[in-house]
Amino acid sequence: DARLAQMTREVANAIRLAATRVAGPVRISGHSAGGHLAMRIACADKPLGDLTDRLETVLGISGLYDLRPLMKTSMNQELRIDDAEALAESPALLSPAPDIDIVSWVGGDERPEFIRQSKLLVEAWEGLSPAPALVVDHGFHHFDVIAGLSETESPITTRWLG
């Protein structure tokens, strides 16, 4: 029953709690809906508050970053996204917080909308420093694009953790 803004707050609260247990930089990642939430956390309105200054890398994997197209799908009967919420919760329609390494990762065999949305985010945030990165991971689709996160030396893991 939670609305997207509430989900953003809950994710931010969980990250803040985890960050109290460790020092140093914070790196977050999410896949699909989690990819959207990870990028939403990186926005300039600072859902993390002062902790935003510790954000080093945000890796969004196969996320949807402009929620307006979801309003035209049957999924919106459950999501209940309206114009105001789509504008407030779509990372591609917002600005990122400064000095965060932003990576939009998507499988090359994804549905076209996931690839389009991943490119859209990078284009919307283009010209910022550091510049956001787009990685199209050829040969992977929505359900296996995250497989590399289980391997310490995979391209996706090394890109996220540096």
N, C-alpha and C. Protein backbone atom coordinates (compact mmCIF):
# COMPACT_ATOMS: atom_id res chain seq x y z
N ASP A 1 0.80 -1.21 0.00
CA ASP A 1 0.00 0.00 0.00
C ASP A 1 0.84 1.27 0.00
N ALA A 2 2.15 1.12 0.18
CA ALA A 2 3.02 2.31 0.27
C ALA A 2 3.11 3.02 -1.08
N ARG A 3 3.15 4.34 -1.02
CA ARG A 3 3.38 5.15 -2.20
C ARG A 3 4.88 5.24 -2.44
N LEU A 4 5.27 5.69 -3.63
CA LEU A 4 6.69 5.73 -3.98
C LEU A 4 7.50 6.64 -3.06
N ALA A 5 6.96 7.78 -2.67
CA ALA A 5 7.69 8.67 -1.77
C ALA A 5 7.96 7.99 -0.44
N GLN A 6 7.00 7.21 0.04
CA GLN A 6 7.20 6.48 1.30
C GLN A 6 8.29 5.42 1.12
N MET A 7 8.30 4.74 -0.03
CA MET A 7 9.35 3.75 -0.30
C MET A 7 10.73 4.41 -0.31
N THR A 8 10.82 5.59 -0.94
CA THR A 8 12.08 6.32 -0.96
C THR A 8 12.53 6.63 0.47
N ARG A 9 11.61 7.10 1.31
CA ARG A 9 11.95 7.41 2.71
C ARG A 9 12.41 6.16 3.46
N GLU A 10 11.73 5.05 3.24
CA GLU A 10 12.08 3.81 3.95
C GLU A 10 13.46 3.30 3.53
N VAL A 11 13.76 3.38 2.23
CA VAL A 11 15.08 2.98 1.75
C VAL A 11 16.14 3.90 2.34
N ALA A 12 15.88 5.20 2.33
CA ALA A 12 16.83 6.15 2.91
C ALA A 12 17.06 5.86 4.39
N ASN A 13 16.01 5.56 5.13
CA ASN A 13 16.15 5.23 6.54
C ASN A 13 17.01 3.98 6.75
N ALA A 14 16.81 2.98 5.91
CA ALA A 14 17.60 1.74 6.02
C ALA A 14 19.07 2.01 5.71
N ILE A 15 19.34 2.82 4.71
CA ILE A 15 20.73 3.16 4.37
C ILE A 15 21.37 3.96 5.50
N ARG A 16 20.62 4.91 6.06
CA ARG A 16 21.14 5.70 7.18
C ARG A 16 21.49 4.80 8.36
N LEU A 17 20.63 3.85 8.67
CA LEU A 17 20.88 2.92 9.76
C LEU A 17 22.14 2.10 9.50
N ALA A 18 22.25 1.55 8.30
CA ALA A 18 23.44 0.76 7.94
C ALA A 18 24.70 1.62 8.02
N ALA A 19 24.60 2.87 7.60
CA ALA A 19 25.77 3.76 7.59
C ALA A 19 26.24 4.12 8.99
N THR A 20 25.36 4.02 9.98
CA THR A 20 25.80 4.29 11.35
C THR A 20 26.72 3.20 11.87
N ARG A 21 26.73 2.08 11.22
CA ARG A 21 27.51 0.92 11.68
C ARG A 21 28.88 0.82 11.03
N VAL A 22 29.12 1.64 10.01
CA VAL A 22 30.41 1.62 9.32
C VAL A 22 30.84 3.05 9.03
N ALA A 23 32.14 3.24 8.96
CA ALA A 23 32.68 4.55 8.59
C ALA A 23 33.03 4.53 7.11
N GLY A 24 33.29 5.69 6.57
CA GLY A 24 33.78 5.77 5.20
C GLY A 24 32.68 5.94 4.18
N PRO A 25 33.07 5.79 2.91
CA PRO A 25 32.13 6.04 1.82
C PRO A 25 31.01 5.01 1.77
N VAL A 26 29.91 5.44 1.19
CA VAL A 26 28.74 4.59 1.03
C VAL A 26 28.53 4.37 -0.46
N ARG A 27 28.33 3.12 -0.83
CA ARG A 27 28.00 2.76 -2.21
C ARG A 27 26.68 2.00 -2.17
N ILE A 28 25.76 2.38 -3.03
CA ILE A 28 24.48 1.68 -3.06
C ILE A 28 24.20 1.19 -4.47
N SER A 29 23.40 0.15 -4.53
CA SER A 29 23.01 -0.43 -5.80
C SER A 29 21.60 -0.97 -5.67
N GLY A 30 20.92 -1.05 -6.79
CA GLY A 30 19.60 -1.66 -6.82
C GLY A 30 19.29 -2.13 -8.22
N HIS A 31 18.43 -3.13 -8.30
CA HIS A 31 18.06 -3.73 -9.58
C HIS A 31 16.56 -3.57 -9.80
N SER A 32 16.18 -3.22 -11.01
CA SER A 32 14.78 -3.06 -11.41
C SER A 32 14.15 -1.94 -10.57
N ALA A 33 13.13 -2.24 -9.78
CA ALA A 33 12.54 -1.21 -8.92
C ALA A 33 13.60 -0.68 -7.94
N GLY A 34 14.50 -1.55 -7.53
CA GLY A 34 15.60 -1.13 -6.66
C GLY A 34 16.57 -0.21 -7.37
N GLY A 35 16.72 -0.38 -8.69
CA GLY A 35 17.56 0.53 -9.47
C GLY A 35 16.98 1.93 -9.47
N HIS A 36 15.65 2.00 -9.61
CA HIS A 36 14.97 3.29 -9.52
C HIS A 36 15.21 3.91 -8.15
N LEU A 37 15.03 3.14 -7.09
CA LEU A 37 15.18 3.68 -5.74
C LEU A 37 16.62 4.10 -5.45
N ALA A 38 17.59 3.34 -5.95
CA ALA A 38 18.99 3.72 -5.75
C ALA A 38 19.26 5.08 -6.38
N MET A 39 18.80 5.28 -7.61
CA MET A 39 19.02 6.57 -8.27
C MET A 39 18.21 7.68 -7.60
N ARG A 40 17.05 7.36 -7.10
CA ARG A 40 16.24 8.36 -6.40
C ARG A 40 16.97 8.85 -5.15
N ILE A 41 17.68 7.95 -4.47
CA ILE A 41 18.45 8.29 -3.28
C ILE A 41 19.59 9.26 -3.64
N ALA A 42 20.08 9.18 -4.88
CA ALA A 42 21.20 10.02 -5.32
C ALA A 42 20.78 11.42 -5.75
N CYS A 43 19.51 11.75 -5.66
CA CYS A 43 19.03 13.04 -6.16
C CYS A 43 19.37 14.20 -5.22
N ALA A 44 19.40 15.38 -5.82
CA ALA A 44 19.84 16.60 -5.13
C ALA A 44 18.95 17.01 -3.97
N ASP A 45 17.72 16.53 -3.91
CA ASP A 45 16.86 16.87 -2.77
C ASP A 45 17.26 16.09 -1.52
N LYS A 46 18.28 15.26 -1.64
CA LYS A 46 18.95 14.57 -0.54
C LYS A 46 18.02 13.76 0.37
N PRO A 47 17.41 12.71 -0.16
CA PRO A 47 16.62 11.84 0.72
C PRO A 47 17.43 11.30 1.90
N LEU A 48 18.76 11.23 1.74
CA LEU A 48 19.62 10.75 2.82
C LEU A 48 20.06 11.85 3.77
N GLY A 49 19.66 13.08 3.51
CA GLY A 49 20.12 14.19 4.35
C GLY A 49 21.63 14.35 4.24
N ASP A 50 22.29 14.61 5.38
CA ASP A 50 23.73 14.84 5.39
C ASP A 50 24.53 13.62 4.95
N LEU A 51 23.95 12.44 5.07
CA LEU A 51 24.65 11.22 4.65
C LEU A 51 24.93 11.23 3.15
N THR A 52 24.20 12.04 2.41
CA THR A 52 24.43 12.16 0.96
C THR A 52 25.90 12.49 0.68
N ASP A 53 26.52 13.24 1.57
CA ASP A 53 27.92 13.62 1.39
C ASP A 53 28.86 12.41 1.43
N ARG A 54 28.41 11.30 2.00
CA ARG A 54 29.22 10.07 2.03
C ARG A 54 28.97 9.16 0.83
N LEU A 55 27.95 9.47 0.04
CA LEU A 55 27.65 8.64 -1.13
C LEU A 55 28.79 8.75 -2.13
N GLU A 56 29.37 7.63 -2.46
CA GLU A 56 30.48 7.63 -3.41
C GLU A 56 30.04 7.12 -4.78
N THR A 57 29.35 5.98 -4.79
CA THR A 57 28.91 5.37 -6.05
C THR A 57 27.48 4.89 -5.91
N VAL A 58 26.69 5.16 -6.94
CA VAL A 58 25.32 4.64 -7.02
C VAL A 58 25.22 3.89 -8.34
N LEU A 59 24.89 2.61 -8.24
CA LEU A 59 24.76 1.72 -9.39
C LEU A 59 23.31 1.34 -9.54
N GLY A 60 22.66 1.86 -10.57
CA GLY A 60 21.29 1.49 -10.88
C GLY A 60 21.32 0.45 -11.99
N ILE A 61 20.71 -0.69 -11.74
CA ILE A 61 20.74 -1.80 -12.70
C ILE A 61 19.33 -2.01 -13.25
N SER A 62 19.17 -1.78 -14.54
CA SER A 62 17.90 -2.03 -15.23
C SER A 62 16.72 -1.39 -14.52
N GLY A 63 16.88 -0.12 -14.17
CA GLY A 63 15.81 0.60 -13.51
C GLY A 63 14.97 1.40 -14.47
N LEU A 64 13.86 1.89 -13.96
CA LEU A 64 13.02 2.84 -14.69
C LEU A 64 13.18 4.18 -13.99
N TYR A 65 13.65 5.17 -14.73
CA TYR A 65 14.03 6.44 -14.12
C TYR A 65 13.09 7.58 -14.46
N ASP A 66 12.19 7.37 -15.39
CA ASP A 66 11.09 8.28 -15.67
C ASP A 66 9.83 7.45 -15.51
N LEU A 67 9.08 7.72 -14.46
CA LEU A 67 7.93 6.87 -14.12
C LEU A 67 6.67 7.18 -14.91
N ARG A 68 6.67 8.25 -15.68
CA ARG A 68 5.46 8.62 -16.40
C ARG A 68 4.92 7.53 -17.32
N PRO A 69 5.76 6.78 -18.06
CA PRO A 69 5.20 5.71 -18.89
C PRO A 69 4.45 4.63 -18.09
N LEU A 70 4.82 4.42 -16.83
CA LEU A 70 4.12 3.43 -16.01
C LEU A 70 2.67 3.82 -15.76
N MET A 71 2.39 5.10 -15.83
CA MET A 71 1.02 5.57 -15.59
C MET A 71 0.06 5.05 -16.65
N LYS A 72 0.60 4.65 -17.80
CA LYS A 72 -0.25 4.18 -18.91
C LYS A 72 -0.36 2.66 -18.96
N THR A 73 0.18 1.97 -17.94
CA THR A 73 0.14 0.51 -17.93
C THR A 73 -0.87 0.00 -16.92
N SER A 74 -1.20 -1.27 -17.02
CA SER A 74 -2.12 -1.88 -16.05
C SER A 74 -1.48 -1.94 -14.66
N MET A 75 -0.16 -1.90 -14.59
CA MET A 75 0.53 -1.91 -13.30
C MET A 75 0.14 -0.70 -12.45
N ASN A 76 -0.28 0.37 -13.10
CA ASN A 76 -0.59 1.57 -12.34
C ASN A 76 -1.86 1.44 -11.51
N GLN A 77 -2.65 0.40 -11.76
CA GLN A 77 -3.79 0.16 -10.88
C GLN A 77 -3.30 -0.13 -9.46
N GLU A 78 -2.16 -0.80 -9.36
CA GLU A 78 -1.56 -1.07 -8.05
C GLU A 78 -0.67 0.06 -7.58
N LEU A 79 0.15 0.61 -8.49
CA LEU A 79 1.12 1.64 -8.12
C LEU A 79 0.46 2.98 -7.81
N ARG A 80 -0.62 3.30 -8.51
CA ARG A 80 -1.37 4.55 -8.31
C ARG A 80 -0.50 5.80 -8.50
N ILE A 81 0.38 5.77 -9.48
CA ILE A 81 1.24 6.92 -9.77
C ILE A 81 0.40 7.98 -10.47
N ASP A 82 0.45 9.19 -9.97
CA ASP A 82 -0.22 10.31 -10.63
C ASP A 82 0.86 11.27 -11.16
N ASP A 83 0.43 12.33 -11.82
CA ASP A 83 1.39 13.27 -12.42
C ASP A 83 2.36 13.83 -11.38
N ALA A 84 1.84 14.27 -10.26
CA ALA A 84 2.69 14.89 -9.23
C ALA A 84 3.72 13.90 -8.71
N GLU A 85 3.29 12.68 -8.46
CA GLU A 85 4.21 11.67 -7.95
C GLU A 85 5.26 11.29 -8.99
N ALA A 86 4.84 11.17 -10.23
CA ALA A 86 5.80 10.83 -11.30
C ALA A 86 6.87 11.91 -11.41
N LEU A 87 6.49 13.16 -11.31
CA LEU A 87 7.46 14.25 -11.39
C LEU A 87 8.37 14.28 -10.17
N ALA A 88 7.83 14.00 -9.00
CA ALA A 88 8.61 14.08 -7.76
C ALA A 88 9.51 12.88 -7.53
N GLU A 89 9.18 11.72 -8.12
CA GLU A 89 9.91 10.49 -7.82
C GLU A 89 10.67 9.91 -9.01
N SER A 90 10.73 10.63 -10.12
CA SER A 90 11.46 10.16 -11.31
C SER A 90 12.86 10.76 -11.32
N PRO A 91 13.90 9.97 -11.05
CA PRO A 91 15.25 10.53 -11.04
C PRO A 91 15.63 11.27 -12.32
N ALA A 92 15.20 10.79 -13.47
CA ALA A 92 15.57 11.44 -14.73
C ALA A 92 14.97 12.83 -14.86
N LEU A 93 13.95 13.14 -14.07
CA LEU A 93 13.31 14.45 -14.10
C LEU A 93 13.82 15.36 -12.99
N LEU A 94 14.73 14.83 -12.18
CA LEU A 94 15.32 15.57 -11.07
C LEU A 94 16.80 15.77 -11.36
N SER A 95 17.49 16.38 -10.44
CA SER A 95 18.94 16.56 -10.56
C SER A 95 19.64 15.67 -9.55
N PRO A 96 20.83 15.19 -9.90
CA PRO A 96 21.56 14.37 -8.93
C PRO A 96 22.30 15.26 -7.93
N ALA A 97 22.55 14.71 -6.76
CA ALA A 97 23.43 15.39 -5.82
C ALA A 97 24.83 15.41 -6.43
N PRO A 98 25.65 16.40 -6.09
CA PRO A 98 26.98 16.50 -6.71
C PRO A 98 27.96 15.45 -6.19
N ASP A 99 28.99 15.22 -7.00
CA ASP A 99 30.16 14.43 -6.59
C ASP A 99 29.87 12.96 -6.31
N ILE A 100 28.88 12.40 -6.97
CA ILE A 100 28.58 10.98 -6.83
C ILE A 100 28.87 10.30 -8.16
N ASP A 101 29.56 9.18 -8.10
CA ASP A 101 29.81 8.37 -9.29
C ASP A 101 28.50 7.63 -9.61
N ILE A 102 27.87 8.01 -10.70
CA ILE A 102 26.57 7.45 -11.10
C ILE A 102 26.80 6.47 -12.25
N VAL A 103 26.30 5.24 -12.08
CA VAL A 103 26.44 4.22 -13.12
C VAL A 103 25.05 3.66 -13.41
N SER A 104 24.64 3.76 -14.66
CA SER A 104 23.39 3.17 -15.12
C SER A 104 23.76 1.92 -15.93
N TRP A 105 23.48 0.75 -15.38
CA TRP A 105 23.89 -0.53 -15.95
C TRP A 105 22.64 -1.24 -16.45
N VAL A 106 22.71 -1.78 -17.65
CA VAL A 106 21.54 -2.46 -18.22
C VAL A 106 22.02 -3.60 -19.11
N GLY A 107 21.26 -4.68 -19.11
CA GLY A 107 21.59 -5.80 -19.98
C GLY A 107 21.30 -5.46 -21.44
N GLY A 108 22.17 -5.89 -22.32
CA GLY A 108 21.97 -5.63 -23.75
C GLY A 108 20.81 -6.39 -24.35
N ASP A 109 20.37 -7.46 -23.66
CA ASP A 109 19.22 -8.24 -24.14
C ASP A 109 17.95 -7.92 -23.36
N GLU A 110 17.93 -6.77 -22.70
CA GLU A 110 16.75 -6.30 -21.96
C GLU A 110 15.63 -5.93 -22.92
N ARG A 111 14.45 -5.76 -22.37
CA ARG A 111 13.37 -5.16 -23.13
C ARG A 111 13.80 -3.74 -23.51
N PRO A 112 13.41 -3.27 -24.67
CA PRO A 112 13.84 -1.96 -25.13
C PRO A 112 13.59 -0.82 -24.14
N GLU A 113 12.50 -0.88 -23.38
CA GLU A 113 12.20 0.21 -22.46
C GLU A 113 13.24 0.34 -21.35
N PHE A 114 13.78 -0.77 -20.87
CA PHE A 114 14.82 -0.70 -19.84
C PHE A 114 16.10 -0.08 -20.41
N ILE A 115 16.43 -0.42 -21.63
CA ILE A 115 17.61 0.17 -22.27
C ILE A 115 17.37 1.66 -22.50
N ARG A 116 16.20 2.01 -23.01
CA ARG A 116 15.87 3.42 -23.25
C ARG A 116 15.94 4.23 -21.96
N GLN A 117 15.38 3.70 -20.89
CA GLN A 117 15.36 4.42 -19.63
C GLN A 117 16.77 4.58 -19.04
N SER A 118 17.61 3.56 -19.22
CA SER A 118 18.99 3.66 -18.73
C SER A 118 19.75 4.74 -19.48
N LYS A 119 19.55 4.79 -20.79
CA LYS A 119 20.17 5.85 -21.60
C LYS A 119 19.60 7.22 -21.24
N LEU A 120 18.30 7.27 -21.01
CA LEU A 120 17.62 8.52 -20.67
C LEU A 120 18.21 9.15 -19.42
N LEU A 121 18.44 8.34 -18.40
CA LEU A 121 19.00 8.88 -17.16
C LEU A 121 20.36 9.50 -17.42
N VAL A 122 21.21 8.79 -18.14
CA VAL A 122 22.56 9.30 -18.42
C VAL A 122 22.48 10.57 -19.25
N GLU A 123 21.59 10.62 -20.24
CA GLU A 123 21.42 11.82 -21.05
C GLU A 123 20.90 12.98 -20.21
N ALA A 124 19.96 12.71 -19.30
CA ALA A 124 19.39 13.77 -18.47
C ALA A 124 20.43 14.35 -17.52
N TRP A 125 21.35 13.53 -17.06
CA TRP A 125 22.35 13.97 -16.10
C TRP A 125 23.71 14.23 -16.76
N GLU A 126 23.73 14.22 -18.10
CA GLU A 126 24.96 14.47 -18.85
C GLU A 126 25.49 15.88 -18.56
N GLY A 127 26.79 16.04 -18.61
CA GLY A 127 27.41 17.33 -18.41
C GLY A 127 27.72 17.63 -16.96
N LEU A 128 27.40 16.69 -16.08
CA LEU A 128 27.68 16.89 -14.67
C LEU A 128 29.04 16.30 -14.34
N SER A 129 29.53 16.63 -13.17
CA SER A 129 30.84 16.12 -12.77
C SER A 129 30.70 15.39 -11.45
N PRO A 130 31.07 14.14 -11.40
CA PRO A 130 31.56 13.35 -12.53
C PRO A 130 30.41 12.98 -13.47
N ALA A 131 30.76 12.76 -14.73
CA ALA A 131 29.75 12.41 -15.72
C ALA A 131 29.17 11.04 -15.40
N PRO A 132 27.85 10.88 -15.51
CA PRO A 132 27.26 9.56 -15.29
C PRO A 132 27.71 8.59 -16.39
N ALA A 133 27.79 7.33 -16.04
CA ALA A 133 28.23 6.31 -16.99
C ALA A 133 27.07 5.39 -17.36
N LEU A 134 27.02 5.02 -18.61
CA LEU A 134 26.08 4.01 -19.09
C LEU A 134 26.87 2.78 -19.48
N VAL A 135 26.45 1.63 -18.95
CA VAL A 135 27.06 0.36 -19.35
C VAL A 135 25.94 -0.54 -19.86
N VAL A 136 26.04 -0.92 -21.14
CA VAL A 136 25.12 -1.88 -21.72
C VAL A 136 25.88 -3.21 -21.74
N ASP A 137 25.44 -4.12 -20.89
CA ASP A 137 26.13 -5.40 -20.68
C ASP A 137 25.54 -6.44 -21.65
N HIS A 138 26.18 -6.55 -22.81
CA HIS A 138 25.65 -7.40 -23.88
C HIS A 138 25.63 -8.87 -23.46
N GLY A 139 24.57 -9.54 -23.90
CA GLY A 139 24.41 -10.96 -23.60
C GLY A 139 23.62 -11.21 -22.32
N PHE A 140 23.21 -10.15 -21.64
CA PHE A 140 22.46 -10.31 -20.39
C PHE A 140 21.09 -9.68 -20.52
N HIS A 141 20.14 -10.23 -19.76
CA HIS A 141 18.76 -9.72 -19.76
C HIS A 141 18.37 -9.35 -18.33
N HIS A 142 17.12 -9.01 -18.15
CA HIS A 142 16.65 -8.47 -16.88
C HIS A 142 16.92 -9.38 -15.69
N PHE A 143 16.88 -10.67 -15.91
CA PHE A 143 16.97 -11.59 -14.77
C PHE A 143 18.37 -12.13 -14.53
N ASP A 144 19.30 -11.93 -15.46
CA ASP A 144 20.66 -12.41 -15.19
C ASP A 144 21.71 -11.31 -15.22
N VAL A 145 21.30 -10.06 -15.45
CA VAL A 145 22.25 -8.96 -15.52
C VAL A 145 22.94 -8.73 -14.16
N ILE A 146 22.32 -9.17 -13.07
CA ILE A 146 22.91 -9.00 -11.75
C ILE A 146 23.81 -10.16 -11.33
N ALA A 147 23.90 -11.19 -12.14
CA ALA A 147 24.65 -12.40 -11.76
C ALA A 147 26.09 -12.08 -11.40
N GLY A 148 26.70 -11.13 -12.08
CA GLY A 148 28.09 -10.79 -11.82
C GLY A 148 28.35 -10.23 -10.42
N LEU A 149 27.30 -9.76 -9.75
CA LEU A 149 27.49 -9.21 -8.41
C LEU A 149 27.92 -10.28 -7.41
N SER A 150 27.77 -11.55 -7.77
CA SER A 150 28.22 -12.63 -6.88
C SER A 150 29.69 -12.97 -7.08
N GLU A 151 30.33 -12.30 -8.03
CA GLU A 151 31.74 -12.56 -8.33
C GLU A 151 32.56 -11.30 -8.03
N THR A 152 33.59 -11.45 -7.20
CA THR A 152 34.36 -10.28 -6.76
C THR A 152 35.11 -9.59 -7.89
N GLU A 153 35.46 -10.31 -8.94
CA GLU A 153 36.24 -9.72 -10.03
C GLU A 153 35.43 -9.46 -11.30
N SER A 154 34.12 -9.57 -11.23
CA SER A 154 33.30 -9.34 -12.43
C SER A 154 33.29 -7.85 -12.78
N PRO A 155 33.01 -7.55 -14.04
CA PRO A 155 32.96 -6.13 -14.44
C PRO A 155 31.96 -5.30 -13.62
N ILE A 156 30.79 -5.84 -13.33
CA ILE A 156 29.79 -5.06 -12.60
C ILE A 156 30.22 -4.81 -11.16
N THR A 157 30.83 -5.81 -10.52
CA THR A 157 31.28 -5.65 -9.15
C THR A 157 32.46 -4.69 -9.06
N THR A 158 33.42 -4.85 -9.95
CA THR A 158 34.59 -3.95 -9.88
C THR A 158 34.19 -2.52 -10.23
N ARG A 159 33.22 -2.34 -11.12
CA ARG A 159 32.78 -0.97 -11.45
C ARG A 159 32.09 -0.33 -10.27
N TRP A 160 31.27 -1.12 -9.54
CA TRP A 160 30.55 -0.61 -8.39
C TRP A 160 31.46 -0.32 -7.21
N LEU A 161 32.36 -1.24 -6.94
CA LEU A 161 33.20 -1.09 -5.74
C LEU A 161 34.52 -0.38 -6.01
N GLY A 162 34.86 -0.17 -7.28
CA GLY A 162 36.06 0.56 -7.62
C GLY A 162 37.32 -0.28 -7.52
